[in-house]
């Protein structure tokens, strides 16, 4: 039972518009200290806007926020932090050149004696006490910028506790973490709850939501759809509330035709190696086949993909495409051969964010629209319109910048710009990372359709259900080595996890 005297963050009738677009409409909810309260919704539902308002980065058009009955002055980050309301974002905001102690005490250092010297011993001890309360043992003197993302997140959380945080907002905290790092974060979240900190937990990963949260609020199109106890809500019901419709779970209905694998492979790697990223990689992918590549973050999967697409060189081994060995490989050569790649980081590597939706969709094929007097704008508008319609990209105009679209729609652009090229091989590196459940289902449909149309697909994903539901065969990479290959019918999550561990790679032949 919740203590009725526990303080709460009371959000009343918040509304916010950008131009003519309503990001939030009369949103009201209450977050209690000592509760884990999940906030769910598709990209574009209003979650980010609500986070910005609660953290002081944005001012609402109307509405108010109260902490324990007192009105808060919105639009001021320092004001919200002084009241103990702190947001930790996907990419934590830290001072990269400073160590943990200096990150916590920046601007409020303790003095010693007459104030001439810093009391570094006391500062270190207090920092260590906070880290101990989180169950963390981080090096106090290491620059935070040299730490892994998961450790930088912990520094941000420690800084929040140092500032006497009462409400902690976690925005997609596990999006770029490994399974082990995520488990460590979950323990920290539960520890904070026991200390009386209220957690607003924002995540697309619904299994995490049900694992951690007591309460779940759903935003859709800027409107609060519901707030319910997690015990009274099924995953299917939650998804339907988020997207406003039932979402089909797509998978390959039938394993790949075994006759296909008897044909010459579209792609073959022979003993491909690059120290220290990967070593002695062998694989084959056939037309119409989806080969899943599973493994932990940092196992070498993305590096293998980059070599196939000609981004990075490799030390030894061979890449064969349609039976021919690739010499002096490059990105341009890969594209000309019919190889397409959807990179892991779509915003930095897959899109030109300031450019229009149309330009991004047609970038790889702009030469095809080149006429005597320049680009054929009419033909470009016709083709981009067809792609926008076919892919279900939500945009009011092809001229809108790609940066204005949600993550799911951005991912559709990255896929769509290659679909127009009809490539023989698709390399998909974490194709649904950071996209909501509705968009994920649509991306899965597109992947299945690519294979049906005869493309070979290399699917790299850290989401085991995704790998298991879409792949015809699964190759597992551990510490840069192939640790196993499983047929669709013999694969399960337990086997994939076991093969993903580095010790398994050492034992593989």
Protein backbone atom coordinates (compact mmCIF):
# COMPACT_ATOMS: atom_id res chain seq x y z
CA UNK A 1 0.00 0.00 0.00
CA UNK A 2 1.20 3.48 -0.86
CA UNK A 3 1.67 5.84 2.10
CA UNK A 4 -0.97 8.60 1.61
CA UNK A 5 1.41 11.10 3.20
CA UNK A 6 4.14 10.51 0.59
CA UNK A 7 4.78 13.67 -1.46
CA UNK A 8 3.79 13.72 -5.11
CA UNK A 9 4.36 15.56 -8.37
CA UNK A 10 0.95 16.74 -9.52
CA UNK A 11 0.62 17.62 -13.22
CA UNK A 12 -2.57 19.49 -14.11
CA UNK A 13 -3.96 20.26 -17.59
CA UNK A 14 -0.63 20.73 -19.38
CA UNK A 15 -0.92 21.80 -23.02
CA UNK A 16 1.82 22.66 -25.51
CA UNK A 17 1.71 23.44 -29.24
CA UNK A 18 4.46 23.99 -31.79
CA UNK A 19 3.02 26.02 -34.65
CA UNK A 20 -0.26 24.34 -35.47
CA UNK A 21 0.74 20.98 -33.99
CA UNK A 22 -0.61 20.03 -30.56
CA UNK A 23 2.17 18.17 -28.72
CA UNK A 24 0.21 17.95 -25.44
CA UNK A 25 -3.49 18.51 -24.77
CA UNK A 26 -4.72 18.94 -21.17
CA UNK A 27 -2.49 16.23 -19.72
CA UNK A 28 -2.99 15.53 -16.02
CA UNK A 29 -1.29 12.85 -13.93
CA UNK A 30 0.28 12.33 -10.52
CA UNK A 31 3.68 10.74 -9.75
CA UNK A 32 4.26 9.72 -6.13
CA UNK A 33 7.60 9.53 -4.35
CA UNK A 34 8.58 5.89 -3.92
CA UNK A 35 6.66 4.76 -7.02
CA UNK A 36 7.96 3.60 -10.40
CA UNK A 37 5.55 5.16 -12.89
CA UNK A 38 6.00 4.24 -16.57
CA UNK A 39 5.13 6.60 -19.41
CA UNK A 40 4.39 4.85 -22.71
CA UNK A 41 3.39 5.96 -26.19
CA UNK A 42 4.47 5.93 -29.79
CA UNK A 43 7.10 8.35 -31.07
CA UNK A 44 5.32 11.68 -31.50
CA UNK A 45 2.82 10.93 -28.73
CA UNK A 46 4.08 13.81 -26.57
CA UNK A 47 6.43 12.00 -24.16
CA UNK A 48 9.48 14.12 -25.02
CA UNK A 49 7.50 17.35 -24.68
CA UNK A 50 6.23 16.31 -21.25
CA UNK A 51 9.78 15.40 -20.16
CA UNK A 52 11.07 18.79 -21.33
CA UNK A 53 8.38 20.63 -19.37
CA UNK A 54 8.92 18.60 -16.19
CA UNK A 55 12.71 19.08 -16.39
CA UNK A 56 12.33 22.84 -16.95
CA UNK A 57 13.59 22.89 -20.54
CA UNK A 58 10.21 24.00 -21.98
CA UNK A 59 7.32 26.18 -20.82
CA UNK A 60 3.75 24.91 -21.37
CA UNK A 61 1.10 27.04 -23.07
CA UNK A 62 -1.23 26.30 -20.16
CA UNK A 63 -1.41 24.15 -17.06
CA UNK A 64 0.57 23.87 -13.85
CA UNK A 65 2.83 21.49 -11.95
CA UNK A 66 2.86 21.15 -8.17
CA UNK A 67 5.36 19.41 -5.91
CA UNK A 68 3.85 18.37 -2.58
CA UNK A 69 1.17 21.05 -2.98
CA UNK A 70 3.51 23.92 -3.94
CA UNK A 71 3.39 25.47 -7.41
CA UNK A 72 6.59 25.17 -9.46
CA UNK A 73 7.99 27.86 -11.74
CA UNK A 74 8.15 26.12 -15.13
CA UNK A 75 10.65 26.78 -17.90
CA UNK A 76 13.67 26.88 -15.59
CA UNK A 77 15.90 23.80 -15.32
CA UNK A 78 17.63 25.10 -12.18
CA UNK A 79 14.25 25.68 -10.49
CA UNK A 80 13.11 22.12 -11.16
CA UNK A 81 16.43 20.64 -10.02
CA UNK A 82 16.34 22.72 -6.84
CA UNK A 83 12.98 21.09 -6.06
CA UNK A 84 14.48 17.64 -6.67
CA UNK A 85 13.04 16.95 -10.15
CA UNK A 86 15.82 15.73 -12.45
CA UNK A 87 15.87 14.12 -15.90
CA UNK A 88 18.53 11.66 -17.07
CA UNK A 89 18.49 11.47 -20.85
CA UNK A 90 19.46 8.70 -23.27
CA UNK A 91 22.80 10.46 -23.84
CA UNK A 92 23.69 11.66 -20.31
CA UNK A 93 24.74 15.28 -19.87
CA UNK A 94 28.09 15.22 -18.05
CA UNK A 95 31.33 17.19 -17.95
CA UNK A 96 33.46 14.72 -19.96
CA UNK A 97 36.87 16.08 -18.95
CA UNK A 98 36.08 16.01 -15.22
CA UNK A 99 36.09 13.00 -12.90
CA UNK A 100 33.02 11.80 -10.97
CA UNK A 101 33.75 13.90 -7.88
CA UNK A 102 34.12 17.09 -9.91
CA UNK A 103 30.97 16.28 -11.89
CA UNK A 104 28.98 16.02 -8.67
CA UNK A 105 30.48 19.08 -6.98
CA UNK A 106 30.82 21.42 -9.99
CA UNK A 107 30.04 24.91 -8.68
CA UNK A 108 29.54 23.81 -5.06
CA UNK A 109 32.96 22.51 -3.95
CA UNK A 110 33.60 22.01 -0.22
CA UNK A 111 36.32 24.13 1.34
CA UNK A 112 38.71 23.07 4.09
CA UNK A 113 39.67 25.06 7.16
CA UNK A 114 39.63 28.77 6.35
CA UNK A 115 38.31 28.14 2.83
CA UNK A 116 41.70 28.30 1.13
CA UNK A 117 41.81 24.66 0.02
CA UNK A 118 39.20 22.24 -1.26
CA UNK A 119 38.21 19.51 1.15
CA UNK A 120 38.84 16.78 -1.42
CA UNK A 121 38.82 13.98 1.15
CA UNK A 122 35.30 14.86 2.27
CA UNK A 123 34.13 15.35 -1.33
CA UNK A 124 35.47 11.92 -2.31
CA UNK A 125 33.89 10.24 0.72
CA UNK A 126 30.47 11.77 0.03
CA UNK A 127 30.75 10.73 -3.62
CA UNK A 128 31.69 7.19 -2.58
CA UNK A 129 28.72 7.09 -0.17
CA UNK A 130 26.31 8.02 -2.97
CA UNK A 131 27.80 5.43 -5.33
CA UNK A 132 27.60 2.81 -2.57
CA UNK A 133 23.90 3.57 -2.15
CA UNK A 134 23.51 2.79 -5.87
CA UNK A 135 25.58 -0.39 -5.60
CA UNK A 136 28.23 1.08 -7.91
CA UNK A 137 32.02 0.89 -7.64
CA UNK A 138 33.26 3.40 -10.23
CA UNK A 139 36.80 4.86 -10.40
CA UNK A 140 36.58 8.31 -8.81
CA UNK A 141 39.54 9.83 -10.64
CA UNK A 142 38.78 8.71 -14.21
CA UNK A 143 37.44 11.39 -16.60
CA UNK A 144 33.75 10.65 -17.11
CA UNK A 145 34.09 11.06 -20.88
CA UNK A 146 36.27 7.94 -20.95
CA UNK A 147 33.59 5.81 -19.29
CA UNK A 148 31.07 3.53 -20.98
CA UNK A 149 27.56 4.87 -21.59
CA UNK A 150 26.11 2.80 -18.73
CA UNK A 151 28.67 4.26 -16.32
CA UNK A 152 27.95 7.82 -17.53
CA UNK A 153 24.27 7.18 -16.83
CA UNK A 154 25.15 6.14 -13.28
CA UNK A 155 27.16 9.36 -12.85
CA UNK A 156 24.08 11.35 -13.92
CA UNK A 157 21.91 9.41 -11.47
CA UNK A 158 24.50 9.91 -8.70
CA UNK A 159 24.49 13.65 -9.44
CA UNK A 160 20.70 13.64 -9.21
CA UNK A 161 20.89 12.00 -5.76
CA UNK A 162 23.60 14.47 -4.73
CA UNK A 163 21.10 17.22 -5.59
CA UNK A 164 18.58 15.51 -3.28
CA UNK A 165 16.46 14.24 -6.16
CA UNK A 166 12.88 13.29 -5.24
CA UNK A 167 11.53 12.62 -8.75
CA UNK A 168 13.89 11.06 -11.31
CA UNK A 169 12.90 11.01 -14.98
CA UNK A 170 14.63 8.24 -16.96
CA UNK A 171 14.26 8.70 -20.73
CA UNK A 172 14.83 5.44 -22.68
CA UNK A 173 17.60 4.48 -20.22
CA UNK A 174 18.42 1.06 -21.72
CA UNK A 175 18.27 1.98 -25.43
CA UNK A 176 22.03 1.54 -25.91
CA UNK A 177 22.88 -0.76 -22.99
CA UNK A 178 23.82 -4.42 -22.99
CA UNK A 179 21.66 -6.97 -21.16
CA UNK A 180 24.03 -7.00 -18.17
CA UNK A 181 24.19 -3.19 -18.03
CA UNK A 182 20.38 -3.04 -18.20
CA UNK A 183 20.08 -5.52 -15.32
CA UNK A 184 22.43 -3.36 -13.24
CA UNK A 185 20.31 -0.30 -14.03
CA UNK A 186 17.13 -2.12 -12.96
CA UNK A 187 18.71 -2.89 -9.57
CA UNK A 188 19.56 0.80 -9.20
CA UNK A 189 16.01 1.86 -10.08
CA UNK A 190 14.55 -0.52 -7.47
CA UNK A 191 17.09 0.72 -4.91
CA UNK A 192 16.05 4.34 -5.59
CA UNK A 193 12.40 3.40 -5.15
CA UNK A 194 13.19 1.91 -1.74
CA UNK A 195 14.93 5.19 -0.83
CA UNK A 196 11.67 7.05 -1.54
CA UNK A 197 12.57 8.46 -4.95
CA UNK A 198 9.74 8.59 -7.47
CA UNK A 199 10.72 7.33 -10.93
CA UNK A 200 9.08 8.40 -14.20
CA UNK A 201 10.29 5.60 -16.47
CA UNK A 202 9.97 6.27 -20.22
CA UNK A 203 10.64 3.27 -22.47
CA UNK A 204 9.56 1.54 -25.68
CA UNK A 205 10.64 -1.78 -24.17
CA UNK A 206 7.40 -3.05 -22.72
CA UNK A 207 8.96 -6.05 -20.96
CA UNK A 208 10.94 -3.54 -18.85
CA UNK A 209 7.82 -1.52 -18.15
CA UNK A 210 5.95 -4.54 -16.76
CA UNK A 211 9.04 -5.74 -14.89
CA UNK A 212 9.56 -2.46 -13.03
CA UNK A 213 6.51 -0.21 -12.97
CA UNK A 214 3.56 -0.22 -10.59
CA UNK A 215 1.68 2.37 -12.64
CA UNK A 216 1.54 2.92 -16.41
CA UNK A 217 0.32 6.07 -18.15
CA UNK A 218 -0.25 6.12 -21.91
CA UNK A 219 0.01 9.14 -24.21
CA UNK A 220 -1.37 9.10 -27.74
CA UNK A 221 -1.38 12.13 -30.04
CA UNK A 222 -0.66 14.40 -27.08
CA UNK A 223 -3.63 13.14 -25.04
CA UNK A 224 -3.44 11.07 -21.85
CA UNK A 225 -5.32 7.89 -22.76
CA UNK A 226 -5.12 6.12 -19.40
CA UNK A 227 -3.31 5.61 -16.10
CA UNK A 228 -3.60 2.08 -14.71
CA UNK A 229 -1.96 -0.31 -12.33
CA UNK A 230 0.43 -2.54 -14.26
CA UNK A 231 -1.27 -5.54 -12.61
CA UNK A 232 -4.54 -4.65 -14.37
CA UNK A 233 -3.03 -4.28 -17.84
CA UNK A 234 -1.87 -6.86 -20.40
CA UNK A 235 0.84 -6.15 -22.95
CA UNK A 236 -1.65 -6.47 -25.82
CA UNK A 237 -4.03 -4.01 -24.15
CA UNK A 238 -1.18 -1.56 -23.53
CA UNK A 239 -0.07 -1.71 -27.17
CA UNK A 240 -3.64 -1.14 -28.35
CA UNK A 241 -3.90 1.93 -26.10
CA UNK A 242 -0.60 3.26 -27.44
CA UNK A 243 -1.38 2.92 -31.15
CA UNK A 244 -5.18 3.04 -31.15
CA UNK A 245 -5.50 -0.29 -32.92
CA UNK A 246 -4.47 -3.92 -32.63
CA UNK A 247 -0.91 -4.58 -33.80
CA UNK A 248 -0.12 -7.87 -35.49
CA UNK A 249 3.05 -9.67 -34.41
CA UNK A 250 4.77 -10.51 -37.67
CA UNK A 251 7.11 -13.41 -38.25
CA UNK A 252 8.28 -15.53 -41.14
CA UNK A 253 5.33 -17.89 -41.57
CA UNK A 254 7.45 -20.52 -43.29
CA UNK A 255 11.17 -21.27 -43.12
CA UNK A 256 13.15 -20.44 -46.22
CA UNK A 257 12.75 -22.88 -49.11
CA UNK A 258 15.64 -25.31 -48.71
CA UNK A 259 16.14 -25.27 -52.48
CA UNK A 260 17.28 -21.64 -52.21
CA UNK A 261 20.27 -22.57 -50.05
CA UNK A 262 21.46 -24.96 -52.77
CA UNK A 263 21.93 -22.03 -55.15
CA UNK A 264 25.03 -19.86 -55.34
CA UNK A 265 24.98 -17.42 -52.39
CA UNK A 266 24.50 -13.70 -52.97
CA UNK A 267 27.11 -12.98 -50.28
CA UNK A 268 29.88 -15.17 -48.93
CA UNK A 269 32.56 -14.31 -46.38
CA UNK A 270 35.66 -16.50 -46.21
CA UNK A 271 37.88 -16.21 -43.12
CA UNK A 272 37.23 -12.46 -42.88
CA UNK A 273 39.37 -10.91 -40.15
CA UNK A 274 40.22 -7.52 -38.73
CA UNK A 275 42.18 -7.25 -35.49
CA UNK A 276 40.88 -6.82 -32.84
CA UNK A 277 37.22 -6.51 -33.96
CA UNK A 278 36.58 -9.94 -35.54
CA UNK A 279 38.45 -13.03 -36.69
CA UNK A 280 37.89 -15.88 -39.17
CA UNK A 281 34.29 -15.03 -40.06
CA UNK A 282 32.58 -17.42 -42.49
CA UNK A 283 29.00 -16.94 -43.66
CA UNK A 284 26.70 -17.33 -46.67
CA UNK A 285 23.41 -15.58 -47.49
CA UNK A 286 21.15 -16.60 -50.36
CA UNK A 287 18.52 -14.68 -52.32
CA UNK A 288 15.22 -14.58 -50.45
CA UNK A 289 16.84 -15.56 -47.15
CA UNK A 290 17.00 -13.64 -43.87
CA UNK A 291 20.19 -14.46 -41.97
CA UNK A 292 20.02 -13.21 -38.39
CA UNK A 293 23.23 -12.16 -36.66
CA UNK A 294 22.92 -12.26 -32.88
CA UNK A 295 25.37 -11.37 -30.11
CA UNK A 296 26.13 -8.89 -27.36
CA UNK A 297 26.81 -5.21 -28.01
CA UNK A 298 30.50 -4.89 -28.90
CA UNK A 299 30.82 -8.47 -30.19
CA UNK A 300 31.93 -7.28 -33.65
CA UNK A 301 28.69 -7.55 -35.61
CA UNK A 302 28.54 -3.91 -36.72
CA UNK A 303 32.20 -4.00 -37.72
CA UNK A 304 31.54 -7.02 -39.98
CA UNK A 305 28.61 -5.16 -41.57
CA UNK A 306 30.77 -2.08 -42.18
CA UNK A 307 33.37 -4.21 -43.96
CA UNK A 308 30.73 -5.78 -46.24
CA UNK A 309 29.43 -2.33 -47.19
CA UNK A 310 32.93 -1.00 -47.88
CA UNK A 311 33.07 1.50 -45.02
CA UNK A 312 36.03 -0.14 -43.25
CA UNK A 313 38.93 -2.18 -44.59
CA UNK A 314 39.62 -5.71 -43.36
CA UNK A 315 42.99 -7.37 -42.74
CA UNK A 316 42.61 -10.81 -44.32
CA UNK A 317 39.97 -13.03 -45.90
CA UNK A 318 37.59 -12.61 -48.82
CA UNK A 319 34.21 -11.07 -49.59
CA UNK A 320 32.42 -12.72 -52.53
CA UNK A 321 29.34 -11.11 -54.06
CA UNK A 322 27.40 -13.26 -56.53
CA UNK A 323 30.46 -15.50 -56.69
CA UNK A 324 32.96 -12.74 -57.55
CA UNK A 325 35.69 -11.66 -55.16
CA UNK A 326 35.51 -7.97 -54.28
CA UNK A 327 38.75 -6.07 -54.87
CA UNK A 328 39.48 -2.53 -53.63
CA UNK A 329 36.07 -2.49 -51.98
CA UNK A 330 34.33 0.83 -51.24
CA UNK A 331 30.90 2.24 -50.40
CA UNK A 332 30.42 3.43 -53.99
CA UNK A 333 31.28 -0.02 -55.32
CA UNK A 334 28.90 -1.65 -52.83
CA UNK A 335 26.01 0.58 -53.92
CA UNK A 336 26.75 -0.02 -57.61
CA UNK A 337 26.75 -3.79 -57.01
CA UNK A 338 23.36 -3.66 -55.31
CA UNK A 339 24.31 -3.72 -51.62
CA UNK A 340 22.29 -1.53 -49.25
CA UNK A 341 22.93 -0.79 -45.58
CA UNK A 342 20.72 0.58 -42.81
CA UNK A 343 23.25 1.63 -40.14
CA UNK A 344 22.96 1.29 -36.38
CA UNK A 345 22.79 5.06 -35.78
CA UNK A 346 20.19 6.27 -38.27
CA UNK A 347 20.45 9.96 -37.33
CA UNK A 348 24.21 10.27 -37.66
CA UNK A 349 24.91 7.70 -40.37
CA UNK A 350 21.67 7.06 -42.26
CA UNK A 351 20.06 10.47 -42.72
CA UNK A 352 20.90 14.02 -43.73
CA UNK A 353 18.63 15.46 -41.03
CA UNK A 354 18.44 19.09 -42.27
CA UNK A 355 17.46 17.95 -45.79
CA UNK A 356 13.92 17.19 -46.89
CA UNK A 357 12.15 13.84 -46.70
CA UNK A 358 12.17 13.73 -50.51
CA UNK A 359 15.91 14.41 -50.81
CA UNK A 360 16.75 11.77 -48.21
CA UNK A 361 14.57 9.18 -49.97
CA UNK A 362 16.23 9.79 -53.33
CA UNK A 363 19.85 10.48 -52.28
CA UNK A 364 21.34 7.17 -53.51
CA UNK A 365 19.62 7.52 -56.89
CA UNK A 366 19.90 11.25 -57.63
CA UNK A 367 21.94 10.55 -60.77
CA UNK A 368 18.90 8.81 -62.27
CA UNK A 369 16.98 12.11 -62.14
CA UNK A 370 19.73 14.17 -63.77
CA UNK A 371 18.65 15.74 -67.07
CA UNK A 372 20.25 18.17 -69.51
CA UNK A 373 19.00 21.18 -67.54
CA UNK A 374 19.44 19.70 -64.07
CA UNK A 375 17.40 17.48 -61.78
CA UNK A 376 13.94 16.44 -62.97
CA UNK A 377 11.99 17.81 -59.98
CA UNK A 378 8.64 16.61 -61.30
CA UNK A 379 9.85 13.02 -61.56
CA UNK A 380 11.50 13.26 -58.13
CA UNK A 381 8.23 14.45 -56.58
CA UNK A 382 6.34 11.61 -58.25
CA UNK A 383 8.74 8.88 -57.05
CA UNK A 384 9.10 10.30 -53.53
CA UNK A 385 5.31 10.53 -53.25
CA UNK A 386 4.99 6.88 -54.23
CA UNK A 387 7.59 5.87 -51.63
CA UNK A 388 5.97 7.96 -48.88
CA UNK A 389 2.63 6.31 -49.62
CA UNK A 390 4.05 2.78 -49.95
CA UNK A 391 6.06 2.99 -46.74
CA UNK A 392 3.39 4.81 -44.72
CA UNK A 393 5.72 7.70 -43.84
CA UNK A 394 3.78 10.26 -41.79
CA UNK A 395 4.67 13.74 -43.02
CA UNK A 396 2.55 16.68 -44.12
CA UNK A 397 4.91 17.42 -47.01
CA UNK A 398 7.88 15.79 -48.81
CA UNK A 399 9.64 19.13 -48.27
CA UNK A 400 9.66 18.79 -44.47
CA UNK A 401 13.14 18.20 -43.00
CA UNK A 402 13.85 14.62 -41.92
CA UNK A 403 14.69 15.98 -38.46
CA UNK A 404 11.00 16.85 -37.93
CA UNK A 405 9.84 13.22 -38.16
CA UNK A 406 9.52 10.62 -35.40
CA UNK A 407 12.12 7.87 -35.02
CA UNK A 408 9.91 5.28 -36.69
CA UNK A 409 9.27 7.48 -39.71
CA UNK A 410 12.97 8.34 -39.96
CA UNK A 411 13.76 4.62 -40.05
CA UNK A 412 11.25 4.14 -42.86
CA UNK A 413 13.11 6.80 -44.85
CA UNK A 414 16.44 5.01 -44.31
CA UNK A 415 14.89 1.76 -45.57
CA UNK A 416 12.93 3.47 -48.32
CA UNK A 417 15.89 5.16 -49.96
CA UNK A 418 17.35 1.71 -50.67
CA UNK A 419 14.10 -0.02 -51.61
CA UNK A 420 13.89 2.29 -54.63
CA UNK A 421 17.25 0.85 -55.77
CA UNK A 422 16.04 -2.80 -55.70
CA UNK A 423 19.28 -4.06 -54.08
CA UNK A 424 20.31 -7.72 -54.04
CA UNK A 425 21.56 -7.54 -50.44
CA UNK A 426 20.18 -5.59 -47.47
CA UNK A 427 22.36 -5.16 -44.37
CA UNK A 428 20.12 -4.09 -41.48
CA UNK A 429 21.96 -3.10 -38.29
CA UNK A 430 19.53 -2.73 -35.35
CA UNK A 431 16.67 -1.69 -37.69
CA UNK A 432 14.09 -1.15 -34.93
CA UNK A 433 16.25 0.40 -32.21
CA UNK A 434 14.40 3.28 -30.56
CA UNK A 435 11.20 2.93 -32.61
CA UNK A 436 7.80 2.37 -31.04
CA UNK A 437 5.75 -0.81 -31.21
CA UNK A 438 3.55 0.34 -34.09
CA UNK A 439 6.49 1.39 -36.26
CA UNK A 440 8.40 -1.77 -35.28
CA UNK A 441 5.59 -3.93 -36.65
CA UNK A 442 5.67 -1.98 -39.92
CA UNK A 443 9.47 -2.31 -40.22
CA UNK A 444 9.15 -6.07 -39.64
CA UNK A 445 6.57 -6.23 -42.43
CA UNK A 446 8.99 -4.42 -44.75
CA UNK A 447 11.85 -6.82 -43.90
CA UNK A 448 9.69 -9.87 -44.63
CA UNK A 449 8.55 -8.30 -47.90
CA UNK A 450 12.16 -7.64 -48.96
CA UNK A 451 12.98 -11.34 -48.60
CA UNK A 452 9.78 -12.35 -50.41
CA UNK A 453 10.83 -10.18 -53.34
CA UNK A 454 14.16 -12.02 -53.54
CA UNK A 455 16.61 -9.82 -51.65
CA UNK A 456 19.13 -11.44 -49.34
CA UNK A 457 18.87 -9.89 -45.86
CA UNK A 458 21.53 -9.76 -43.14
CA UNK A 459 19.62 -8.82 -39.97
CA UNK A 460 21.71 -7.66 -37.01
CA UNK A 461 19.69 -7.18 -33.83
CA UNK A 462 20.19 -7.25 -30.07
CA UNK A 463 16.48 -8.02 -29.59
CA UNK A 464 16.24 -11.80 -29.42
CA UNK A 465 12.48 -12.01 -30.15
CA UNK A 466 13.11 -10.01 -33.33
CA UNK A 467 15.93 -12.31 -34.45
CA UNK A 468 13.92 -15.44 -33.65
CA UNK A 469 10.72 -14.33 -35.38
CA UNK A 470 12.26 -13.04 -38.61
CA UNK A 471 15.36 -15.14 -39.34
CA UNK A 472 15.64 -18.29 -41.45
CA UNK A 473 19.06 -19.05 -39.94
CA UNK A 474 20.90 -17.39 -37.06
CA UNK A 475 24.64 -16.81 -36.75
CA UNK A 476 25.89 -15.91 -33.26
CA UNK A 477 28.96 -13.70 -32.80
CA UNK A 478 30.83 -13.61 -29.49
CA UNK A 479 33.98 -11.60 -28.92
CA UNK A 480 34.62 -11.33 -32.68
CA UNK A 481 34.21 -15.04 -33.42
CA UNK A 482 31.39 -17.17 -34.80
CA UNK A 483 30.28 -19.13 -31.74
CA UNK A 484 27.44 -20.99 -33.40
CA UNK A 485 24.91 -21.27 -36.21
CA UNK A 486 21.32 -22.37 -35.60
CA UNK A 487 18.47 -23.25 -37.92
CA UNK A 488 15.22 -21.42 -37.26
CA UNK A 489 13.46 -24.45 -35.80
CA UNK A 490 16.21 -25.25 -33.26
CA UNK A 491 16.85 -21.71 -32.00
CA UNK A 492 15.50 -20.21 -28.78
CA UNK A 493 16.47 -17.35 -26.48
CA UNK A 494 18.35 -19.56 -24.02
CA UNK A 495 20.58 -21.03 -26.75
CA UNK A 496 21.29 -17.61 -28.27
CA UNK A 497 22.20 -16.10 -24.91
CA UNK A 498 24.52 -18.98 -24.06
CA UNK A 499 26.29 -18.74 -27.43
CA UNK A 500 26.61 -14.96 -27.03
CA UNK A 501 28.82 -15.26 -23.94
CA UNK A 502 32.54 -14.72 -24.64
CA UNK A 503 33.54 -18.03 -23.01
CA UNK A 504 31.47 -19.87 -25.62
CA UNK A 505 33.45 -18.21 -28.40
CA UNK A 506 36.69 -19.52 -26.97
CA UNK A 507 35.39 -23.08 -27.14
CA UNK A 508 34.05 -22.86 -30.70
CA UNK A 509 36.20 -24.45 -33.41
